[in-house]
Protein backbone atom coordinates (compact mmCIF):
# COMPACT_ATOMS: atom_id res chain seq x y z
CA MET A 1 -0.09 -0.32 0.10
CA SER A 2 1.98 3.42 -0.91
CA ILE A 3 1.37 6.47 0.95
CA ASP A 4 0.49 9.57 -0.42
CA ARG A 5 2.97 12.68 0.53
CA PRO A 6 2.37 16.13 0.27
CA SER A 7 3.52 17.94 -2.36
CA GLN A 8 6.31 20.02 -1.55
CA ALA A 9 5.80 23.98 -2.62
CA VAL A 10 7.91 25.36 -5.60
CA ARG A 11 10.75 27.33 -3.87
CA VAL A 12 11.47 30.82 -6.04
CA PRO A 13 15.20 32.72 -5.20
CA ARG A 14 15.61 35.21 -3.30
CA ALA A 15 17.52 37.21 -5.67
CA PHE A 16 14.50 36.73 -7.87
CA ARG A 17 11.86 38.02 -5.76
CA LEU A 18 13.99 40.93 -5.03
CA ALA A 19 14.43 42.00 -8.14
CA VAL A 20 10.20 42.06 -9.06
CA ARG A 21 9.59 43.59 -6.24
CA GLY A 22 12.68 46.24 -6.97
CA LEU A 23 10.88 46.35 -10.51
CA ALA A 24 7.43 47.09 -8.95
CA VAL A 25 8.75 49.86 -6.91
CA ALA A 26 10.28 51.66 -10.36
CA VAL A 27 7.06 51.14 -12.04
CA TRP A 28 5.07 52.96 -9.16
CA ALA A 29 7.57 55.66 -8.89
CA LEU A 30 7.71 56.47 -12.72
CA ALA A 31 3.91 56.28 -12.43
CA LEU A 32 3.84 58.60 -9.42
CA SER A 33 6.31 61.11 -10.95
CA ALA A 34 4.10 61.50 -14.32
CA VAL A 35 1.13 62.23 -12.30
CA ILE A 36 3.09 64.81 -10.00
CA GLY A 37 4.63 66.48 -13.13
CA GLY A 38 1.59 66.59 -14.84
CA CYS A 39 -0.19 68.17 -11.91
CA ILE A 40 2.93 70.14 -11.53
CA GLY A 41 3.12 71.41 -15.53
CA GLY A 42 -0.06 72.23 -15.03
CA CYS A 43 -0.25 74.54 -12.23
CA SER A 44 2.52 76.02 -13.45
CA ASP A 45 0.94 77.34 -16.90
CA GLU A 46 -2.78 78.22 -15.42
CA ARG A 47 0.04 79.95 -12.87
CA ALA A 48 2.16 82.00 -15.69
CA GLU A 49 -1.21 82.29 -17.35
CA ALA A 50 -2.68 84.25 -13.73
CA ARG A 51 0.14 86.45 -13.85
CA ASP A 52 -0.43 87.64 -17.35
CA SER A 53 -3.83 88.02 -16.97
CA ALA A 54 -2.88 90.08 -13.62
CA GLU A 55 -0.23 92.10 -15.52
CA ALA A 56 -2.50 92.38 -18.67
CA GLU A 57 -4.60 94.28 -15.93
CA ALA A 58 -2.43 95.99 -14.33
CA LEU A 59 -1.73 98.38 -17.28
CA PRO A 60 -2.06 101.59 -16.69
CA GLU A 61 -4.63 103.21 -19.03
CA VAL A 62 -3.21 106.20 -21.18
CA GLU A 63 -4.84 108.43 -23.34
CA VAL A 64 -2.88 108.54 -26.81
CA SER A 65 -3.27 110.68 -30.03
CA ALA A 66 -1.54 110.10 -33.08
CA ALA A 67 0.33 112.72 -34.90
CA ALA A 68 -1.79 114.23 -37.99
CA ARG A 69 -0.99 115.95 -41.04
CA THR A 70 -3.28 118.94 -41.14
CA GLU A 71 -4.18 121.56 -43.89
CA LEU A 72 -4.47 124.53 -41.96
CA VAL A 73 -5.18 128.65 -43.36
CA GLU A 74 -2.33 130.35 -41.28
CA THR A 75 -3.53 133.83 -40.57
CA ARG A 76 -1.07 136.54 -39.24
CA ARG A 77 -2.07 140.09 -38.60
CA TRP A 78 0.09 143.25 -37.51
CA GLY A 79 -1.18 147.03 -36.99
CA GLY A 80 0.54 150.09 -38.25
CA ARG A 81 0.59 153.27 -40.11
CA LEU A 82 1.18 153.77 -43.27
CA SER A 83 3.18 156.41 -44.45
CA LEU A 84 5.88 157.71 -46.31
CA LEU A 85 9.19 155.97 -45.08
CA ALA A 86 12.37 157.29 -46.74
CA GLU A 87 13.10 160.89 -46.79
CA ARG A 88 15.30 163.01 -48.99
CA ALA A 89 17.35 166.23 -47.81
CA VAL A 90 17.19 169.29 -50.23
CA ALA A 91 20.75 171.11 -49.37
CA ALA A 92 21.63 174.50 -50.54
CA PRO A 93 23.77 174.82 -53.21
CA HIS A 94 25.70 177.46 -51.98
CA ARG A 95 26.61 180.26 -49.37
CA GLY A 96 23.78 183.14 -49.76
CA VAL A 97 20.27 184.72 -48.25
CA VAL A 98 17.38 182.73 -48.85
CA LEU A 99 15.38 184.81 -50.90
CA ALA A 100 11.95 183.46 -51.58
CA VAL A 101 10.27 179.77 -49.89
CA ASP A 102 8.03 178.44 -52.45
CA ALA A 103 6.58 175.08 -50.26
CA THR A 104 5.98 174.30 -46.77
CA GLU A 105 5.86 171.45 -44.54
CA GLY A 106 3.35 168.81 -45.27
CA ASP A 107 3.10 170.09 -48.99
CA ARG A 108 2.83 167.63 -52.10
CA VAL A 109 5.64 168.46 -54.46
CA GLU A 110 6.59 167.10 -57.70
CA GLU A 111 9.84 166.62 -59.03
CA GLY A 112 11.64 168.90 -60.25
CA ASP A 113 9.62 171.92 -58.33
CA THR A 114 11.11 174.98 -57.28
CA VAL A 115 11.16 174.80 -53.29
CA ALA A 116 13.51 177.71 -52.59
CA ARG A 117 15.51 180.54 -53.82
CA VAL A 118 19.31 181.18 -52.81
CA ALA A 119 21.24 183.70 -53.76
CA GLY A 120 25.03 184.98 -52.93
CA PRO A 121 25.11 188.52 -50.80
CA ALA A 122 25.97 190.12 -53.72
CA VAL A 123 23.75 188.74 -56.23
CA ALA A 124 20.79 189.56 -53.42
CA GLU A 125 22.00 193.29 -52.30
CA ARG A 126 22.61 193.90 -56.66
CA ARG A 127 19.08 192.52 -56.80
CA ARG A 128 17.77 194.11 -54.18
CA VAL A 129 19.11 197.99 -55.68
CA LEU A 130 18.10 196.99 -58.95
CA ASP A 131 14.79 195.91 -58.32
CA ASP A 132 14.66 199.71 -56.11
CA ARG A 133 16.12 201.85 -58.93
CA ILE A 134 13.54 200.17 -61.98
CA ALA A 135 10.53 200.97 -59.45
CA HIS A 136 12.30 204.95 -59.39
CA LEU A 137 13.11 204.80 -62.94
CA ARG A 138 9.25 204.10 -63.65
CA GLY A 139 7.95 206.50 -61.37
CA GLU A 140 9.71 208.79 -62.66
CA VAL A 141 8.44 207.89 -66.80
CA GLU A 142 5.24 208.19 -65.52
CA ARG A 143 6.03 211.87 -64.17
CA TRP A 144 7.86 213.03 -67.73
CA GLU A 145 4.46 211.59 -68.96
CA ARG A 146 2.48 213.91 -67.13
CA LEU A 147 4.45 217.21 -67.74
CA VAL A 148 4.54 215.96 -71.82
CA GLU A 149 1.02 215.89 -71.45
CA GLU A 150 0.46 219.64 -69.50
CA GLY A 151 3.12 221.29 -71.95
CA ALA A 152 5.39 221.39 -69.08
CA ALA A 153 7.82 219.21 -70.73
CA GLY A 154 9.39 218.22 -74.17
CA PRO A 155 9.40 214.77 -75.81
CA ALA A 156 13.31 214.34 -75.18
CA GLU A 157 12.99 214.45 -71.49
CA LEU A 158 10.50 211.87 -71.61
CA SER A 159 13.23 209.56 -73.94
CA GLU A 160 15.82 209.87 -71.62
CA ALA A 161 13.53 208.84 -68.63
CA GLU A 162 12.20 205.64 -70.99
CA LEU A 163 15.79 204.97 -71.81
CA ARG A 164 17.22 204.97 -68.08
CA LEU A 165 14.37 202.72 -66.85
CA LEU A 166 15.40 200.31 -70.06
CA ASP A 167 18.72 200.11 -68.69
CA ALA A 168 17.99 199.20 -65.96
CA VAL A 169 15.75 196.57 -66.68
CA ASP A 170 18.15 195.15 -69.27
CA GLU A 171 20.87 194.77 -66.16
CA ARG A 172 18.28 193.04 -63.62
CA ALA A 173 17.96 190.38 -66.82
CA GLU A 174 21.35 189.87 -66.82
CA LEU A 175 21.78 189.75 -62.94
CA GLU A 176 18.83 186.82 -63.12
CA THR A 177 20.86 184.67 -64.87
CA ALA A 178 23.13 184.54 -61.68
CA TYR A 179 20.37 184.94 -59.58
CA SER A 180 18.29 181.53 -61.30
CA SER A 181 21.55 179.43 -60.42
CA GLY A 182 20.31 179.60 -56.47
CA VAL A 183 16.63 177.84 -57.61
CA VAL A 184 16.52 174.77 -55.74
CA ARG A 185 14.39 172.31 -56.92
CA ALA A 186 12.81 169.11 -55.27
CA PRO A 187 14.80 165.99 -55.98
CA THR A 188 11.65 164.03 -56.20
CA SER A 189 8.28 163.52 -56.01
CA GLY A 190 6.33 163.29 -52.38
CA ARG A 191 5.87 165.49 -49.43
CA ILE A 192 7.54 168.09 -47.58
CA ALA A 193 8.49 166.48 -44.27
CA ALA A 194 10.68 169.03 -42.78
CA ALA A 195 11.18 173.14 -43.86
CA ARG A 196 13.82 174.32 -41.67
CA ILE A 197 14.44 178.03 -43.43
CA ALA A 198 12.81 180.94 -43.83
CA GLY A 199 12.72 183.89 -45.83
CA GLY A 200 15.74 186.06 -45.36
CA THR A 201 18.05 183.30 -43.98
CA HIS A 202 21.44 183.07 -44.09
CA VAL A 203 22.52 179.57 -45.32
CA ALA A 204 26.40 178.03 -46.09
CA GLU A 205 26.86 175.92 -49.16
CA GLY A 206 25.11 172.41 -48.17
CA ASP A 207 22.91 173.52 -45.10
CA GLU A 208 19.75 171.13 -45.31
CA LEU A 209 16.67 173.72 -46.07
CA PHE A 210 13.83 170.71 -46.46
CA ARG A 211 13.36 166.91 -46.17
CA ILE A 212 11.51 165.68 -48.72
CA ALA A 213 9.47 162.07 -47.57
CA ASP A 214 10.07 160.21 -51.20
CA ALA A 215 7.05 159.54 -52.92
CA GLU A 216 8.05 156.36 -53.85
CA SER A 217 8.65 154.94 -49.93
CA ALA A 218 5.08 154.61 -49.06
CA GLY A 219 4.78 151.85 -46.77
CA VAL A 220 4.68 150.56 -43.21
CA GLU A 221 7.36 150.27 -40.32
CA LEU A 222 6.71 147.04 -37.89
CA SER A 223 8.39 145.69 -34.97
CA ILE A 224 8.06 142.02 -35.33
CA PRO A 225 9.01 138.78 -33.66
CA ALA A 226 12.79 137.52 -35.41
CA GLY A 227 10.73 134.39 -36.17
CA GLU A 228 7.75 135.50 -38.05
CA THR A 229 9.87 137.27 -40.85
CA GLY A 230 8.87 133.65 -42.80
CA PHE A 231 5.61 135.16 -43.29
CA PHE A 232 7.12 137.62 -45.96
CA ASP A 233 8.51 134.96 -47.99
CA PRO A 234 6.50 134.85 -50.81
CA LEU A 235 4.99 138.18 -50.49
CA GLU A 236 2.09 137.04 -52.31
CA ALA A 237 0.65 135.58 -49.24
CA VAL A 238 0.96 139.19 -47.50
CA THR A 239 -1.19 142.51 -47.65
CA ILE A 240 -1.96 145.70 -46.93
CA VAL A 241 -5.53 146.71 -45.80
CA ASP A 242 -6.02 150.65 -44.99
CA ASP A 243 -8.65 152.04 -42.97
CA ASP A 244 -11.16 152.23 -45.63
CA GLY A 245 -11.13 148.45 -46.44
CA SER A 246 -9.25 148.81 -49.78
CA GLN A 247 -5.97 146.26 -49.82
CA LEU A 248 -2.73 147.63 -51.22
CA ALA A 249 0.07 145.19 -52.92
CA ILE A 250 3.49 144.88 -51.50
CA ARG A 251 6.41 145.93 -53.51
CA ASP A 252 9.23 144.72 -51.12
CA VAL A 253 10.28 144.33 -47.82
CA ASP A 254 13.29 145.10 -45.65
CA PHE A 255 14.51 143.99 -42.16
CA LEU A 256 17.05 146.79 -40.53
CA GLY A 257 17.89 144.31 -37.69
CA ALA A 258 17.27 144.04 -33.93
CA THR A 259 15.50 146.48 -32.16
CA HIS A 260 15.49 144.47 -29.02
CA LEU A 261 15.70 141.15 -27.96
CA GLY A 262 14.02 138.56 -30.48
CA PHE A 263 12.47 141.25 -32.65
CA VAL A 264 13.56 143.30 -36.15
CA ARG A 265 12.64 146.32 -37.50
CA ALA A 266 10.58 145.95 -40.83
CA ARG A 267 9.95 148.46 -43.51
CA ILE A 268 7.09 146.75 -45.93
CA PHE A 269 6.73 149.33 -48.57
CA VAL A 270 3.74 149.43 -50.94
CA ALA A 271 2.95 149.88 -54.51
CA ASP A 272 1.39 152.58 -56.51
CA ALA A 273 0.00 153.95 -53.19
CA ARG A 274 -0.53 157.62 -52.99
CA VAL A 275 -0.20 158.56 -49.15
CA ASP A 276 -1.76 162.00 -48.67
CA ARG A 277 -1.43 161.31 -44.67
CA PRO A 278 -0.66 158.97 -42.50
CA ARG A 279 -3.37 156.60 -42.01
CA ARG A 280 -3.85 153.02 -39.97
CA VAL A 281 -3.08 149.94 -41.61
CA GLU A 282 -3.01 146.30 -40.88
CA VAL A 283 -0.95 143.98 -42.49
CA VAL A 284 -2.46 140.51 -42.99
CA TYR A 285 -0.51 136.92 -43.84
CA GLU A 286 -2.66 134.42 -44.83
CA ALA A 287 -1.64 131.06 -46.44
CA PRO A 288 -3.15 127.47 -46.71
CA GLU A 289 -0.26 125.38 -44.85
CA GLU A 290 0.17 121.73 -44.21
CA VAL A 291 2.01 120.81 -40.90
CA LEU A 292 2.20 117.99 -38.59
CA ILE A 293 0.69 118.54 -35.51
CA VAL A 294 0.34 117.00 -31.78
CA PRO A 295 -1.65 118.63 -28.85
CA TRP A 296 -0.04 121.31 -26.87
CA THR A 297 0.34 119.22 -23.72
CA ALA A 298 1.78 116.66 -25.42
CA VAL A 299 5.35 118.53 -25.64
CA ALA A 300 7.65 118.16 -22.56
CA ALA A 301 10.83 120.84 -22.69
CA ASP A 302 14.20 120.15 -20.66
CA GLY A 303 15.82 123.67 -21.18
CA GLY A 304 15.66 124.59 -24.75
CA ASP A 305 15.19 120.91 -25.79
CA HIS A 306 11.38 119.23 -26.67
CA TRP A 307 10.21 115.78 -26.97
CA VAL A 308 7.40 113.62 -27.07
CA ALA A 309 6.68 110.29 -24.97
CA ILE A 310 5.95 107.69 -28.12
CA VAL A 311 3.61 104.35 -27.18
CA ASP A 312 4.55 101.64 -29.52
CA GLU A 313 1.34 100.58 -30.56
CA ALA A 314 1.71 96.72 -30.94
CA SER A 315 3.85 96.17 -27.04
CA GLY A 316 2.59 99.49 -25.46
CA GLU A 317 6.08 100.02 -24.30
CA VAL A 318 6.86 103.74 -23.79
CA SER A 319 9.61 105.70 -25.27
CA ARG A 320 11.17 109.35 -25.53
CA ARG A 321 11.85 111.09 -28.77
CA ALA A 322 13.64 114.75 -29.40
CA VAL A 323 11.49 116.56 -31.65
CA THR A 324 12.08 120.02 -33.32
CA GLN A 325 9.05 122.38 -32.07
CA GLY A 326 7.48 124.60 -35.13
CA ARG A 327 4.82 127.48 -34.35
CA GLY A 328 1.78 127.02 -32.50
CA HIS A 329 -1.79 126.48 -33.71
CA PRO A 330 -5.16 127.04 -32.06
CA GLU A 331 -5.34 122.99 -32.66
CA GLY A 332 -1.84 122.37 -31.23
CA VAL A 333 2.07 122.77 -31.55
CA GLU A 334 3.69 121.90 -35.18
CA ILE A 335 6.63 119.08 -35.36
CA GLU A 336 9.25 120.55 -37.83
CA GLU A 337 11.38 117.02 -37.47
CA GLY A 338 11.30 114.10 -35.13
CA LEU A 339 7.67 112.49 -35.69
CA ARG A 340 5.92 110.93 -38.47
CA ALA A 341 2.63 110.63 -38.88
CA GLY A 342 0.07 108.34 -37.30
CA GLU A 343 2.58 107.96 -34.35
CA TRP A 344 0.96 107.69 -30.84
CA VAL A 345 2.02 110.30 -28.36
CA ILE A 346 0.82 110.22 -24.65
CA ARG A 347 -1.55 113.45 -24.72
CA TYR A 348 -1.05 114.57 -21.14
CA GLU A 349 1.88 114.44 -18.72
CA PRO A 350 4.55 112.65 -20.39
CA ARG A 351 6.60 112.97 -18.08
CA ARG A 352 4.64 110.78 -15.52
CA TYR A 353 5.67 107.94 -18.09
CA ALA A 354 9.39 106.58 -17.85
CA GLU A 355 11.33 104.91 -20.79
CA GLY A 356 10.61 101.08 -21.08
CA GLU A 357 7.26 101.44 -19.06
CA ARG A 358 4.16 99.60 -20.62
CA VAL A 359 0.82 101.18 -20.53
CA GLU A 360 -2.52 100.33 -22.29
CA PRO A 361 -2.95 103.53 -25.15
CA VAL A 362 -5.94 104.75 -25.48
CA GLU A 363 -6.74 106.62 -28.28
CA SER A 364 -8.42 110.38 -27.70
CA SER A 365 -11.39 111.37 -29.43
């Protein structure tokens, strides 16, 4: 009779068991790492998105204005008086005495008109003596004529008196040539601005007798800012309007140098204007111009340098740009250099925003 023995258990080597256990631990660790890594990666992305969103929400809104080219009708007005600006001096031709003054202050004269007569002392005295003698001889002839009519004298005495008168008249006619050399004539057409002589005045050669305001010098004298001289080039954009509302064309402009800091003296000559009296006028510049304009408040200054704060349209980053400022207009200030049309500039308080700072631009309406 056979006896059944219990079956013996299969023995697994210890090294194998340890290897299997290590593999299980490694698999579990790898799985756990993947889970944790996924969790950490997801959380990091969420935190980055949240941070970016928070930063975006934190950007300050800044009102910006786009630099724009605008056609403006530029106008400038200056008030003044229309008068004759240039004067010519009239001098005595030689030493002598003023026998006659034919023009007085305020009179209008034409070129070549006699304004005075000046004779040398000897000529003047001889002329006076001859004038007296001729007057006496005329009276003598009249007396002889009455005596002849009354039969108290013969014709011979009358003829002798008439011959004496004729001789005196001839001598005076010869003297008139020397006298006429002292005739003073107007060198130009215009108005007598000053008369410095009277009849009987003794003068030396070259002494000033008159000043004549030249009729060709009608115009306006102004003191204007040096920066406004460019408005007179070209002259077609400038007119003069007188107190009657008439427009006068400008012939020429002279700038005579500074009157005081920042100003120059301008003489504006009018074409074909007859000036009988000084009168109020207005000098007007008016012309369309295309200019690049930004708001007055967008331009900052450091000493004599001007700059604007520009906002990049894509990134919102602020940068400062040096600009050349031109003339001011009611709509804003002209930028001559340093800025292009369409660029955004911070409209108010550009100093508040640092170089490189990011902002949220909001275009002004």
